[in-house]
Amino acid sequence: MGSSEGLRATLMVYRNLLKAVEKHIGKEEHRVHFTDFIREEFRKKRSPNDPSFVQQKVKLAQNYTYLLNSVHHHKDLLFSYNIAVDRTNEMTKVLGKSAASVGLRLPEVYQS
């Protein structure tokens, strides 16, 4: 029974990794080598003498899936808070509107 549970867990890691790669890296023609490599690694014949090697590979795939999902989630959070956007032009516009509302103008900034 332990072997079938291990196989089921390995298949779950395999599916999750493929989903993460397709979602975050893409399925385009020039990016197919990512999924091809994953498929080759999971289909390779392993020696039954070293089950710890297989466990290490599965753990590595699981960690990579977690990393890939986390990095893209972090990037989405940064974009949602507009941290990745240069806000100097936006701040200049806001200051200009504030100054104009009381009858003033901001001085021109010269760049050399």
PDB file of N, CA and C in Angstrom:
ATOM      1  N   MET A   1       0.818  -1.198   0.000  1.00  0.00           N
ATOM      2  CA  MET A   1       0.000   0.000   0.000  1.00  0.00           C
ATOM      3  C   MET A   1       0.860   1.259   0.000  1.00  0.00           C
ATOM      4  N   GLY A   2       2.039   1.199   0.620  1.00  0.00           N
ATOM      5  CA  GLY A   2       2.919   2.348   0.670  1.00  0.00           C
ATOM      6  C   GLY A   2       3.408   2.767  -0.700  1.00  0.00           C
ATOM      7  N   SER A   3       3.617   1.795  -1.579  1.00  0.00           N
ATOM      8  CA  SER A   3       4.092   2.092  -2.924  1.00  0.00           C
ATOM      9  C   SER A   3       3.048   2.856  -3.736  1.00  0.00           C
ATOM     10  N   SER A   4       1.784   2.456  -3.601  1.00  0.00           N
ATOM     11  CA  SER A   4       0.735   3.144  -4.360  1.00  0.00           C
ATOM     12  C   SER A   4       0.510   4.556  -3.818  1.00  0.00           C
ATOM     13  N   GLU A   5       0.658   4.746  -2.520  1.00  0.00           N
ATOM     14  CA  GLU A   5       0.529   6.094  -1.946  1.00  0.00           C
ATOM     15  C   GLU A   5       1.680   6.984  -2.402  1.00  0.00           C
ATOM     16  N   GLY A   6       2.872   6.408  -2.466  1.00  0.00           N
ATOM     17  CA  GLY A   6       4.027   7.159  -2.948  1.00  0.00           C
ATOM     18  C   GLY A   6       3.882   7.533  -4.408  1.00  0.00           C
ATOM     19  N   LEU A   7       3.343   6.608  -5.192  1.00  0.00           N
ATOM     20  CA  LEU A   7       3.107   6.884  -6.605  1.00  0.00           C
ATOM     21  C   LEU A   7       2.054   7.971  -6.779  1.00  0.00           C
ATOM     22  N   ARG A   8       1.012   7.906  -5.973  1.00  0.00           N
ATOM     23  CA  ARG A   8      -0.048   8.915  -6.032  1.00  0.00           C
ATOM     24  C   ARG A   8       0.502  10.299  -5.659  1.00  0.00           C
ATOM     25  N   ALA A   9       1.338  10.357  -4.637  1.00  0.00           N
ATOM     26  CA  ALA A   9       1.940  11.633  -4.223  1.00  0.00           C
ATOM     27  C   ALA A   9       2.864  12.167  -5.311  1.00  0.00           C
ATOM     28  N   THR A  10       3.618  11.279  -5.941  1.00  0.00           N
ATOM     29  CA  THR A  10       4.514  11.690  -7.019  1.00  0.00           C
ATOM     30  C   THR A  10       3.719  12.233  -8.209  1.00  0.00           C
ATOM     31  N   LEU A  11       2.627  11.582  -8.554  1.00  0.00           N
ATOM     32  CA  LEU A  11       1.791  12.067  -9.651  1.00  0.00           C
ATOM     33  C   LEU A  11       1.183  13.429  -9.331  1.00  0.00           C
ATOM     34  N   MET A  12       0.823  13.640  -8.068  1.00  0.00           N
ATOM     35  CA  MET A  12       0.261  14.927  -7.662  1.00  0.00           C
ATOM     36  C   MET A  12       1.318  16.032  -7.790  1.00  0.00           C
ATOM     37  N   VAL A  13       2.538  15.747  -7.380  1.00  0.00           N
ATOM     38  CA  VAL A  13       3.627  16.718  -7.515  1.00  0.00           C
ATOM     39  C   VAL A  13       3.888  16.998  -8.992  1.00  0.00           C
ATOM     40  N   TYR A  14       3.891  15.956  -9.807  1.00  0.00           N
ATOM     41  CA  TYR A  14       4.108  16.091 -11.250  1.00  0.00           C
ATOM     42  C   TYR A  14       3.045  16.988 -11.886  1.00  0.00           C
ATOM     43  N   ARG A  15       1.784  16.733 -11.564  1.00  0.00           N
ATOM     44  CA  ARG A  15       0.690  17.544 -12.122  1.00  0.00           C
ATOM     45  C   ARG A  15       0.788  18.991 -11.665  1.00  0.00           C
ATOM     46  N   ASN A  16       1.047  19.193 -10.370  1.00  0.00           N
ATOM     47  CA  ASN A  16       1.141  20.556  -9.847  1.00  0.00           C
ATOM     48  C   ASN A  16       2.287  21.326 -10.486  1.00  0.00           C
ATOM     49  N   LEU A  17       3.411  20.648 -10.695  1.00  0.00           N
ATOM     50  CA  LEU A  17       4.558  21.300 -11.327  1.00  0.00           C
ATOM     51  C   LEU A  17       4.243  21.673 -12.775  1.00  0.00           C
ATOM     52  N   LEU A  18       3.631  20.771 -13.512  1.00  0.00           N
ATOM     53  CA  LEU A  18       3.264  21.090 -14.900  1.00  0.00           C
ATOM     54  C   LEU A  18       2.260  22.242 -14.965  1.00  0.00           C
ATOM     55  N   LYS A  19       1.290  22.257 -14.072  1.00  0.00           N
ATOM     56  CA  LYS A  19       0.318  23.353 -14.043  1.00  0.00           C
ATOM     57  C   LYS A  19       0.994  24.681 -13.757  1.00  0.00           C
ATOM     58  N   ALA A  20       1.916  24.699 -12.781  1.00  0.00           N
ATOM     59  CA  ALA A  20       2.609  25.938 -12.426  1.00  0.00           C
ATOM     60  C   ALA A  20       3.473  26.437 -13.576  1.00  0.00           C
ATOM     61  N   VAL A  21       4.171  25.531 -14.241  1.00  0.00           N
ATOM     62  CA  VAL A  21       5.021  25.924 -15.368  1.00  0.00           C
ATOM     63  C   VAL A  21       4.171  26.457 -16.513  1.00  0.00           C
ATOM     64  N   GLU A  22       3.078  25.789 -16.825  1.00  0.00           N
ATOM     65  CA  GLU A  22       2.215  26.261 -17.910  1.00  0.00           C
ATOM     66  C   GLU A  22       1.568  27.594 -17.574  1.00  0.00           C
ATOM     67  N   LYS A  23       1.206  27.792 -16.319  1.00  0.00           N
ATOM     68  CA  LYS A  23       0.539  29.031 -15.915  1.00  0.00           C
ATOM     69  C   LYS A  23       1.499  30.211 -15.865  1.00  0.00           C
ATOM     70  N   HIS A  24       2.679  30.015 -15.283  1.00  0.00           N
ATOM     71  CA  HIS A  24       3.581  31.133 -15.025  1.00  0.00           C
ATOM     72  C   HIS A  24       4.658  31.311 -16.086  1.00  0.00           C
ATOM     73  N   ILE A  25       5.068  30.245 -16.727  1.00  0.00           N
ATOM     74  CA  ILE A  25       6.110  30.358 -17.754  1.00  0.00           C
ATOM     75  C   ILE A  25       5.474  30.400 -19.136  1.00  0.00           C
ATOM     76  N   GLY A  26       4.465  29.598 -19.355  1.00  0.00           N
ATOM     77  CA  GLY A  26       3.740  29.646 -20.618  1.00  0.00           C
ATOM     78  C   GLY A  26       3.836  28.360 -21.404  1.00  0.00           C
ATOM     79  N   LYS A  27       2.982  28.273 -22.431  1.00  0.00           N
ATOM     80  CA  LYS A  27       2.931  27.086 -23.284  1.00  0.00           C
ATOM     81  C   LYS A  27       3.422  27.375 -24.690  1.00  0.00           C
ATOM     82  N   GLU A  28       3.999  28.545 -24.917  1.00  0.00           N
ATOM     83  CA  GLU A  28       4.410  28.921 -26.264  1.00  0.00           C
ATOM     84  C   GLU A  28       5.461  27.959 -26.808  1.00  0.00           C
ATOM     85  N   GLU A  29       5.623  28.003 -28.107  1.00  0.00           N
ATOM     86  CA  GLU A  29       6.550  27.120 -28.818  1.00  0.00           C
ATOM     87  C   GLU A  29       7.981  27.229 -28.285  1.00  0.00           C
ATOM     88  N   HIS A  30       8.438  28.444 -28.016  1.00  0.00           N
ATOM     89  CA  HIS A  30       9.823  28.633 -27.587  1.00  0.00           C
ATOM     90  C   HIS A  30      10.035  28.325 -26.107  1.00  0.00           C
ATOM     91  N   ARG A  31       8.983  27.956 -25.389  1.00  0.00           N
ATOM     92  CA  ARG A  31       9.105  27.630 -23.963  1.00  0.00           C
ATOM     93  C   ARG A  31       8.751  26.174 -23.670  1.00  0.00           C
ATOM     94  N   VAL A  32       8.592  25.389 -24.688  1.00  0.00           N
ATOM     95  CA  VAL A  32       8.199  23.993 -24.532  1.00  0.00           C
ATOM     96  C   VAL A  32       9.290  23.180 -23.847  1.00  0.00           C
ATOM     97  N   HIS A  33      10.534  23.629 -23.955  1.00  0.00           N
ATOM     98  CA  HIS A  33      11.628  22.853 -23.371  1.00  0.00           C
ATOM     99  C   HIS A  33      11.502  22.714 -21.855  1.00  0.00           C
ATOM    100  N   PHE A  34      10.787  23.628 -21.180  1.00  0.00           N
ATOM    101  CA  PHE A  34      10.566  23.498 -19.737  1.00  0.00           C
ATOM    102  C   PHE A  34       9.719  22.267 -19.434  1.00  0.00           C
ATOM    103  N   THR A  35       8.577  22.169 -20.093  1.00  0.00           N
ATOM    104  CA  THR A  35       7.701  21.028 -19.838  1.00  0.00           C
ATOM    105  C   THR A  35       8.302  19.725 -20.372  1.00  0.00           C
ATOM    106  N   ASP A  36       9.038  19.803 -21.470  1.00  0.00           N
ATOM    107  CA  ASP A  36       9.703  18.598 -21.988  1.00  0.00           C
ATOM    108  C   ASP A  36      10.711  18.056 -20.983  1.00  0.00           C
ATOM    109  N   PHE A  37      11.476  18.944 -20.363  1.00  0.00           N
ATOM    110  CA  PHE A  37      12.460  18.516 -19.370  1.00  0.00           C
ATOM    111  C   PHE A  37      11.769  17.858 -18.168  1.00  0.00           C
ATOM    112  N   ILE A  38      10.674  18.460 -17.715  1.00  0.00           N
ATOM    113  CA  ILE A  38       9.953  17.897 -16.568  1.00  0.00           C
ATOM    114  C   ILE A  38       9.425  16.513 -16.903  1.00  0.00           C
ATOM    115  N   ARG A  39       8.839  16.374 -18.080  1.00  0.00           N
ATOM    116  CA  ARG A  39       8.306  15.068 -18.486  1.00  0.00           C
ATOM    117  C   ARG A  39       9.411  14.021 -18.571  1.00  0.00           C
ATOM    118  N   GLU A  40      10.556  14.392 -19.134  1.00  0.00           N
ATOM    119  CA  GLU A  40      11.677  13.451 -19.238  1.00  0.00           C
ATOM    120  C   GLU A  40      12.172  13.024 -17.865  1.00  0.00           C
ATOM    121  N   GLU A  41      12.292  13.979 -16.946  1.00  0.00           N
ATOM    122  CA  GLU A  41      12.792  13.662 -15.609  1.00  0.00           C
ATOM    123  C   GLU A  41      11.849  12.731 -14.855  1.00  0.00           C
ATOM    124  N   PHE A  42      10.553  12.942 -14.993  1.00  0.00           N
ATOM    125  CA  PHE A  42       9.607  12.099 -14.274  1.00  0.00           C
ATOM    126  C   PHE A  42       9.429  10.732 -14.926  1.00  0.00           C
ATOM    127  N   ARG A  43       9.749  10.610 -16.210  1.00  0.00           N
ATOM    128  CA  ARG A  43       9.572   9.328 -16.889  1.00  0.00           C
ATOM    129  C   ARG A  43      10.829   8.465 -16.895  1.00  0.00           C
ATOM    130  N   LYS A  44      11.942   9.006 -16.442  1.00  0.00           N
ATOM    131  CA  LYS A  44      13.174   8.223 -16.416  1.00  0.00           C
ATOM    132  C   LYS A  44      13.015   7.016 -15.498  1.00  0.00           C
ATOM    133  N   LYS A  45      13.611   5.930 -15.908  1.00  0.00           N
ATOM    134  CA  LYS A  45      13.632   4.727 -15.084  1.00  0.00           C
ATOM    135  C   LYS A  45      14.589   4.946 -13.926  1.00  0.00           C
ATOM    136  N   ARG A  46      14.118   4.668 -12.749  1.00  0.00           N
ATOM    137  CA  ARG A  46      14.937   4.817 -11.541  1.00  0.00           C
ATOM    138  C   ARG A  46      15.293   3.435 -11.013  1.00  0.00           C
ATOM    139  N   SER A  47      16.443   3.362 -10.387  1.00  0.00           N
ATOM    140  CA  SER A  47      16.819   2.085  -9.793  1.00  0.00           C
ATOM    141  C   SER A  47      16.075   1.917  -8.475  1.00  0.00           C
ATOM    142  N   PRO A  48      15.478   0.766  -8.245  1.00  0.00           N
ATOM    143  CA  PRO A  48      14.740   0.541  -7.001  1.00  0.00           C
ATOM    144  C   PRO A  48      15.661   0.447  -5.794  1.00  0.00           C
ATOM    145  N   ASN A  49      16.967   0.390  -6.032  1.00  0.00           N
ATOM    146  CA  ASN A  49      17.922   0.277  -4.931  1.00  0.00           C
ATOM    147  C   ASN A  49      18.081   1.571  -4.147  1.00  0.00           C
ATOM    148  N   ASP A  50      17.731   2.698  -4.739  1.00  0.00           N
ATOM    149  CA  ASP A  50      17.941   3.982  -4.081  1.00  0.00           C
ATOM    150  C   ASP A  50      16.644   4.797  -4.033  1.00  0.00           C
ATOM    151  N   PRO A  51      15.732   4.448  -3.120  1.00  0.00           N
ATOM    152  CA  PRO A  51      14.471   5.206  -3.040  1.00  0.00           C
ATOM    153  C   PRO A  51      14.667   6.624  -2.505  1.00  0.00           C
ATOM    154  N   SER A  52      15.755   6.863  -1.792  1.00  0.00           N
ATOM    155  CA  SER A  52      15.976   8.217  -1.272  1.00  0.00           C
ATOM    156  C   SER A  52      16.269   9.198  -2.404  1.00  0.00           C
ATOM    157  N   PHE A  53      16.895   8.727  -3.483  1.00  0.00           N
ATOM    158  CA  PHE A  53      17.167   9.572  -4.640  1.00  0.00           C
ATOM    159  C   PHE A  53      15.858  10.040  -5.274  1.00  0.00           C
ATOM    160  N   VAL A  54      14.913   9.125  -5.404  1.00  0.00           N
ATOM    161  CA  VAL A  54      13.610   9.456  -5.969  1.00  0.00           C
ATOM    162  C   VAL A  54      12.891  10.443  -5.057  1.00  0.00           C
ATOM    163  N   GLN A  55      12.957  10.228  -3.762  1.00  0.00           N
ATOM    164  CA  GLN A  55      12.322  11.133  -2.806  1.00  0.00           C
ATOM    165  C   GLN A  55      12.932  12.529  -2.881  1.00  0.00           C
ATOM    166  N   GLN A  56      14.250  12.587  -3.072  1.00  0.00           N
ATOM    167  CA  GLN A  56      14.910  13.887  -3.196  1.00  0.00           C
ATOM    168  C   GLN A  56      14.445  14.618  -4.448  1.00  0.00           C
ATOM    169  N   LYS A  57      14.313  13.902  -5.563  1.00  0.00           N
ATOM    170  CA  LYS A  57      13.850  14.515  -6.808  1.00  0.00           C
ATOM    171  C   LYS A  57      12.409  15.015  -6.683  1.00  0.00           C
ATOM    172  N   VAL A  58      11.558  14.232  -6.032  1.00  0.00           N
ATOM    173  CA  VAL A  58      10.169  14.631  -5.837  1.00  0.00           C
ATOM    174  C   VAL A  58      10.103  15.855  -4.926  1.00  0.00           C
ATOM    175  N   LYS A  59      10.901  15.874  -3.880  1.00  0.00           N
ATOM    176  CA  LYS A  59      10.939  17.024  -2.968  1.00  0.00           C
ATOM    177  C   LYS A  59      11.450  18.267  -3.704  1.00  0.00           C
ATOM    178  N   LEU A  60      12.442  18.098  -4.558  1.00  0.00           N
ATOM    179  CA  LEU A  60      12.957  19.211  -5.358  1.00  0.00           C
ATOM    180  C   LEU A  60      11.871  19.761  -6.289  1.00  0.00           C
ATOM    181  N   ALA A  61      11.123  18.888  -6.925  1.00  0.00           N
ATOM    182  CA  ALA A  61      10.037  19.326  -7.806  1.00  0.00           C
ATOM    183  C   ALA A  61       8.955  20.043  -7.014  1.00  0.00           C
ATOM    184  N   GLN A  62       8.657  19.547  -5.829  1.00  0.00           N
ATOM    185  CA  GLN A  62       7.659  20.183  -4.967  1.00  0.00           C
ATOM    186  C   GLN A  62       8.116  21.573  -4.537  1.00  0.00           C
ATOM    187  N   ASN A  63       9.372  21.697  -4.167  1.00  0.00           N
ATOM    188  CA  ASN A  63       9.913  22.994  -3.754  1.00  0.00           C
ATOM    189  C   ASN A  63       9.948  23.983  -4.921  1.00  0.00           C
ATOM    190  N   TYR A  64      10.287  23.510  -6.112  1.00  0.00           N
ATOM    191  CA  TYR A  64      10.309  24.390  -7.272  1.00  0.00           C
ATOM    192  C   TYR A  64       8.907  24.885  -7.610  1.00  0.00           C
ATOM    193  N   THR A  65       7.923  24.012  -7.487  1.00  0.00           N
ATOM    194  CA  THR A  65       6.531  24.413  -7.717  1.00  0.00           C
ATOM    195  C   THR A  65       6.133  25.505  -6.737  1.00  0.00           C
ATOM    196  N   TYR A  66       6.477  25.315  -5.479  1.00  0.00           N
ATOM    197  CA  TYR A  66       6.155  26.305  -4.444  1.00  0.00           C
ATOM    198  C   TYR A  66       6.860  27.627  -4.734  1.00  0.00           C
ATOM    199  N   LEU A  67       8.130  27.566  -5.121  1.00  0.00           N
ATOM    200  CA  LEU A  67       8.888  28.776  -5.447  1.00  0.00           C
ATOM    201  C   LEU A  67       8.264  29.512  -6.627  1.00  0.00           C
ATOM    202  N   LEU A  68       7.939  28.792  -7.670  1.00  0.00           N
ATOM    203  CA  LEU A  68       7.368  29.399  -8.871  1.00  0.00           C
ATOM    204  C   LEU A  68       6.044  30.098  -8.562  1.00  0.00           C
ATOM    205  N   ASN A  69       5.178  29.426  -7.827  1.00  0.00           N
ATOM    206  CA  ASN A  69       3.895  30.034  -7.454  1.00  0.00           C
ATOM    207  C   ASN A  69       4.090  31.235  -6.541  1.00  0.00           C
ATOM    208  N   SER A  70       5.015  31.148  -5.606  1.00  0.00           N
ATOM    209  CA  SER A  70       5.244  32.233  -4.652  1.00  0.00           C
ATOM    210  C   SER A  70       5.831  33.470  -5.318  1.00  0.00           C
ATOM    211  N   VAL A  71       6.780  33.280  -6.215  1.00  0.00           N
ATOM    212  CA  VAL A  71       7.393  34.419  -6.903  1.00  0.00           C
ATOM    213  C   VAL A  71       6.354  35.169  -7.725  1.00  0.00           C
ATOM    214  N   HIS A  72       5.505  34.448  -8.416  1.00  0.00           N
ATOM    215  CA  HIS A  72       4.491  35.113  -9.236  1.00  0.00           C
ATOM    216  C   HIS A  72       3.397  35.740  -8.389  1.00  0.00           C
ATOM    217  N   HIS A  73       3.092  35.135  -7.249  1.00  0.00           N
ATOM    218  CA  HIS A  73       2.130  35.759  -6.336  1.00  0.00           C
ATOM    219  C   HIS A  73       2.703  37.055  -5.771  1.00  0.00           C
ATOM    220  N   HIS A  74       3.981  37.041  -5.430  1.00  0.00           N
ATOM    221  CA  HIS A  74       4.651  38.239  -4.916  1.00  0.00           C
ATOM    222  C   HIS A  74       4.667  39.343  -5.967  1.00  0.00           C
ATOM    223  N   LYS A  75       4.956  38.985  -7.208  1.00  0.00           N
ATOM    224  CA  LYS A  75       4.959  39.957  -8.301  1.00  0.00           C
ATOM    225  C   LYS A  75       3.576  40.571  -8.485  1.00  0.00           C
ATOM    226  N   ASP A  76       2.544  39.745  -8.406  1.00  0.00           N
ATOM    227  CA  ASP A  76       1.176  40.256  -8.526  1.00  0.00           C
ATOM    228  C   ASP A  76       0.848  41.223  -7.394  1.00  0.00           C
ATOM    229  N   LEU A  77       1.311  40.920  -6.188  1.00  0.00           N
ATOM    230  CA  LEU A  77       1.090  41.835  -5.065  1.00  0.00           C
ATOM    231  C   LEU A  77       1.790  43.167  -5.294  1.00  0.00           C
ATOM    232  N   LEU A  78       3.018  43.121  -5.790  1.00  0.00           N
ATOM    233  CA  LEU A  78       3.739  44.365  -6.058  1.00  0.00           C
ATOM    234  C   LEU A  78       3.004  45.220  -7.084  1.00  0.00           C
ATOM    235  N   PHE A  79       2.503  44.593  -8.135  1.00  0.00           N
ATOM    236  CA  PHE A  79       1.762  45.349  -9.138  1.00  0.00           C
ATOM    237  C   PHE A  79       0.444  45.884  -8.581  1.00  0.00           C
ATOM    238  N   SER A  80      -0.193  45.130  -7.699  1.00  0.00           N
ATOM    239  CA  SER A  80      -1.463  45.599  -7.145  1.00  0.00           C
ATOM    240  C   SER A  80      -1.263  46.816  -6.247  1.00  0.00           C
ATOM    241  N   TYR A  81      -0.099  46.932  -5.626  1.00  0.00           N
ATOM    242  CA  TYR A  81       0.202  48.100  -4.785  1.00  0.00           C
ATOM    243  C   TYR A  81       0.936  49.185  -5.556  1.00  0.00           C
ATOM    244  N   ASN A  82       1.129  49.004  -6.854  1.00  0.00           N
ATOM    245  CA  ASN A  82       1.821  49.953  -7.724  1.00  0.00           C
ATOM    246  C   ASN A  82       3.235  50.261  -7.251  1.00  0.00           C
ATOM    247  N   ILE A  83       3.891  49.311  -6.634  1.00  0.00           N
ATOM    248  CA  ILE A  83       5.253  49.518  -6.166  1.00  0.00           C
ATOM    249  C   ILE A  83       6.235  49.467  -7.323  1.00  0.00           C
ATOM    250  N   ALA A  84       5.926  48.712  -8.342  1.00  0.00           N
ATOM    251  CA  ALA A  84       6.845  48.541  -9.454  1.00  0.00           C
ATOM    252  C   ALA A  84       6.793  49.708 -10.440  1.00  0.00           C
ATOM    253  N   VAL A  85       5.920  50.675 -10.197  1.00  0.00           N
ATOM    254  CA  VAL A  85       5.733  51.782 -11.129  1.00  0.00           C
ATOM    255  C   VAL A  85       6.470  53.016 -10.605  1.00  0.00           C
ATOM    256  N   ASP A  86       7.166  53.698 -11.504  1.00  0.00           N
ATOM    257  CA  ASP A  86       7.838  54.943 -11.143  1.00  0.00           C
ATOM    258  C   ASP A  86       6.771  56.016 -10.944  1.00  0.00           C
ATOM    259  N   ARG A  87       6.698  56.585  -9.765  1.00  0.00           N
ATOM    260  CA  ARG A  87       5.610  57.500  -9.430  1.00  0.00           C
ATOM    261  C   ARG A  87       6.023  58.970  -9.461  1.00  0.00           C
ATOM    262  N   THR A  88       7.176  59.326  -9.991  1.00  0.00           N
ATOM    263  CA  THR A  88       7.614  60.720  -9.977  1.00  0.00           C
ATOM    264  C   THR A  88       6.730  61.588 -10.861  1.00  0.00           C
ATOM    265  N   ASN A  89       6.347  61.114 -12.040  1.00  0.00           N
ATOM    266  CA  ASN A  89       5.466  61.891 -12.921  1.00  0.00           C
ATOM    267  C   ASN A  89       4.099  62.090 -12.284  1.00  0.00           C
ATOM    268  N   GLU A  90       3.609  61.023 -11.658  1.00  0.00           N
ATOM    269  CA  GLU A  90       2.304  61.117 -10.997  1.00  0.00           C
ATOM    270  C   GLU A  90       2.342  62.132  -9.857  1.00  0.00           C
ATOM    271  N   MET A  91       3.406  62.118  -9.073  1.00  0.00           N
ATOM    272  CA  MET A  91       3.524  63.061  -7.955  1.00  0.00           C
ATOM    273  C   MET A  91       3.662  64.499  -8.456  1.00  0.00           C
ATOM    274  N   THR A  92       4.354  64.702  -9.564  1.00  0.00           N
ATOM    275  CA  THR A  92       4.493  66.041 -10.148  1.00  0.00           C
ATOM    276  C   THR A  92       3.128  66.578 -10.577  1.00  0.00           C
ATOM    277  N   LYS A  93       2.304  65.740 -11.176  1.00  0.00           N
ATOM    278  CA  LYS A  93       0.961  66.150 -11.577  1.00  0.00           C
ATOM    279  C   LYS A  93       0.113  66.524 -10.369  1.00  0.00           C
ATOM    280  N   VAL A  94       0.180  65.726  -9.314  1.00  0.00           N
ATOM    281  CA  VAL A  94      -0.605  65.997  -8.106  1.00  0.00           C
ATOM    282  C   VAL A  94      -0.166  67.312  -7.470  1.00  0.00           C
ATOM    283  N   LEU A  95       1.150  67.523  -7.390  1.00  0.00           N
ATOM    284  CA  LEU A  95       1.652  68.773  -6.819  1.00  0.00           C
ATOM    285  C   LEU A  95       1.268  69.972  -7.679  1.00  0.00           C
ATOM    286  N   GLY A  96       1.298  69.795  -9.002  1.00  0.00           N
ATOM    287  CA  GLY A  96       0.894  70.871  -9.901  1.00  0.00           C
ATOM    288  C   GLY A  96      -0.576  71.237  -9.723  1.00  0.00           C
ATOM    289  N   LYS A  97      -1.436  70.244  -9.575  1.00  0.00           N
ATOM    290  CA  LYS A  97      -2.859  70.508  -9.357  1.00  0.00           C
ATOM    291  C   LYS A  97      -3.092  71.189  -8.010  1.00  0.00           C
ATOM    292  N   SER A  98      -2.343  70.751  -7.005  1.00  0.00           N
ATOM    293  CA  SER A  98      -2.480  71.378  -5.680  1.00  0.00           C
ATOM    294  C   SER A  98      -2.047  72.831  -5.720  1.00  0.00           C
ATOM    295  N   ALA A  99      -0.940  73.101  -6.385  1.00  0.00           N
ATOM    296  CA  ALA A  99      -0.455  74.477  -6.488  1.00  0.00           C
ATOM    297  C   ALA A  99      -1.428  75.328  -7.302  1.00  0.00           C
ATOM    298  N   ALA A 100      -1.980  74.760  -8.385  1.00  0.00           N
ATOM    299  CA  ALA A 100      -2.913  75.505  -9.217  1.00  0.00           C
ATOM    300  C   ALA A 100      -4.200  75.817  -8.470  1.00  0.00           C
ATOM    301  N   SER A 101      -4.584  74.978  -7.541  1.00  0.00           N
ATOM    302  CA  SER A 101      -5.832  75.223  -6.814  1.00  0.00           C
ATOM    303  C   SER A 101      -5.742  76.448  -5.907  1.00  0.00           C
ATOM    304  N   VAL A 102      -4.532  76.865  -5.535  1.00  0.00           N
ATOM    305  CA  VAL A 102      -4.371  78.081  -4.718  1.00  0.00           C
ATOM    306  C   VAL A 102      -3.769  79.218  -5.535  1.00  0.00           C
ATOM    307  N   GLY A 103      -3.695  79.052  -6.851  1.00  0.00           N
ATOM    308  CA  GLY A 103      -3.236  80.128  -7.725  1.00  0.00           C
ATOM    309  C   GLY A 103      -1.741  80.194  -7.925  1.00  0.00           C
ATOM    310  N   LEU A 104      -1.023  79.124  -7.666  1.00  0.00           N
ATOM    311  CA  LEU A 104       0.430  79.115  -7.856  1.00  0.00           C
ATOM    312  C   LEU A 104       0.797  78.168  -8.990  1.00  0.00           C
ATOM    313  N   ARG A 105       2.037  78.297  -9.449  1.00  0.00           N
ATOM    314  CA  ARG A 105       2.578  77.376 -10.454  1.00  0.00           C
ATOM    315  C   ARG A 105       3.871  76.798  -9.921  1.00  0.00           C
ATOM    316  N   LEU A 106       4.099  75.553 -10.239  1.00  0.00           N
ATOM    317  CA  LEU A 106       5.366  74.930  -9.864  1.00  0.00           C
ATOM    318  C   LEU A 106       6.463  75.443 -10.779  1.00  0.00           C
ATOM    319  N   PRO A 107       7.672  75.642 -10.244  1.00  0.00           N
ATOM    320  CA  PRO A 107       8.776  76.090 -11.116  1.00  0.00           C
ATOM    321  C   PRO A 107       9.178  74.987 -12.083  1.00  0.00           C
ATOM    322  N   GLU A 108       9.643  75.393 -13.250  1.00  0.00           N
ATOM    323  CA  GLU A 108      10.146  74.444 -14.241  1.00  0.00           C
ATOM    324  C   GLU A 108      11.463  73.887 -13.747  1.00  0.00           C
ATOM    325  N   VAL A 109      11.637  72.592 -13.880  1.00  0.00           N
ATOM    326  CA  VAL A 109      12.887  71.958 -13.492  1.00  0.00           C
ATOM    327  C   VAL A 109      13.715  71.735 -14.748  1.00  0.00           C
ATOM    328  N   TYR A 110      14.942  72.269 -14.738  1.00  0.00           N
ATOM    329  CA  TYR A 110      15.823  72.150 -15.900  1.00  0.00           C
ATOM    330  C   TYR A 110      16.705  70.936 -15.737  1.00  0.00           C
ATOM    331  N   GLN A 111      16.805  70.173 -16.779  1.00  0.00           N
ATOM    332  CA  GLN A 111      17.694  69.023 -16.774  1.00  0.00           C
ATOM    333  C   GLN A 111      18.841  69.289 -17.713  1.00  0.00           C
ATOM    334  N   SER A 112      20.072  69.078 -17.219  1.00  0.00           N
ATOM    335  CA  SER A 112      21.209  69.325 -18.079  1.00  0.00           C
ATOM    336  C   SER A 112      21.859  68.067 -18.559  1.00  0.00           C
TER     337      SER A 112
END
